[in-house]
Protein backbone atom coordinates (compact mmCIF):
# COMPACT_ATOMS: atom_id res chain seq x y z
CA MET A 1 0.22 0.13 -0.16
CA LEU A 2 2.62 2.41 1.07
CA SER A 3 5.35 0.88 -1.10
CA GLY A 4 5.25 3.45 -3.97
CA ILE A 5 6.07 6.28 -1.53
CA GLY A 6 9.91 7.11 -1.18
CA VAL A 7 11.72 8.93 1.52
CA SER A 8 10.85 12.24 0.09
CA GLY A 9 7.19 11.69 0.45
CA VAL A 10 7.46 10.33 3.79
CA ILE A 11 9.39 13.73 4.65
CA ILE A 12 6.55 15.73 2.96
CA ILE A 13 3.51 13.98 4.80
CA ALA A 14 5.47 14.92 7.86
CA VAL A 15 6.12 18.10 7.33
CA VAL A 16 2.49 18.73 6.42
CA ALA A 17 1.45 16.85 9.29
CA LEU A 18 3.55 18.90 11.61
CA LEU A 19 2.20 22.06 10.01
CA LEU A 20 -1.60 21.03 10.39
CA PHE A 21 -1.10 19.78 13.84
CA GLY A 22 1.50 21.34 15.50
CA PRO A 23 3.95 19.83 17.58
CA THR A 24 2.35 19.50 20.77
CA LYS A 25 -0.57 17.60 19.03
CA LEU A 26 1.56 15.39 16.91
CA PRO A 27 2.62 12.50 19.48
CA GLN A 28 -1.15 12.12 20.74
CA LEU A 29 -2.15 11.96 17.23
CA GLY A 30 0.52 9.14 16.78
CA ARG A 31 -0.48 7.35 20.01
CA ALA A 32 -4.02 7.41 19.30
CA PHE A 33 -3.24 6.15 15.84
CA GLY A 34 -0.98 3.34 17.14
CA THR A 35 -3.68 2.36 19.60
CA THR A 36 -6.25 2.20 17.01
CA ILE A 37 -3.98 -0.07 14.76
CA LYS A 38 -3.50 -2.30 17.79
CA GLU A 39 -7.04 -2.96 18.75
CA PHE A 40 -7.84 -3.48 14.90
CA ARG A 41 -5.37 -6.24 14.49
CA GLN A 42 -6.91 -7.86 17.61
CA GLY A 43 -10.20 -7.86 16.41
CA THR A 44 -9.57 -9.02 13.09
CA LYS A 45 -7.28 -11.90 15.08
CA GLY A 46 -10.17 -12.96 16.99
CA LEU A 47 -12.44 -13.18 13.98
CA LEU A 48 -10.09 -15.27 12.15
CA GLU A 49 -9.66 -17.58 15.18
CA GLU A 50 -13.22 -17.88 15.22
CA ASP A 51 -13.70 -18.80 11.65
CA THR A 52 -10.95 -21.33 12.15
CA VAL A 53 -12.77 -23.04 14.72
CA LYS A 54 -16.07 -23.16 12.65
CA LYS A 55 -14.25 -24.47 9.65
CA GLN A 56 -12.63 -27.38 12.04
CA LYS A 57 -16.17 -28.20 13.47
CA SER A 58 -17.67 -28.44 10.10
CA GLU A 59 -15.26 -30.96 8.79
């Protein structure tokens, strides 16, 4: 998904984010984003485990 973005693209995105949110809000946004990704992964892992159990029961 992000493989097409080079180093210059990441730098530009970081500068724009810094300008939009400021240096005090940026760490809070990063922390919130990380927590959201972690919860999403845990949720999808739970769904995949349930699906695997259902498949094993039907066999």
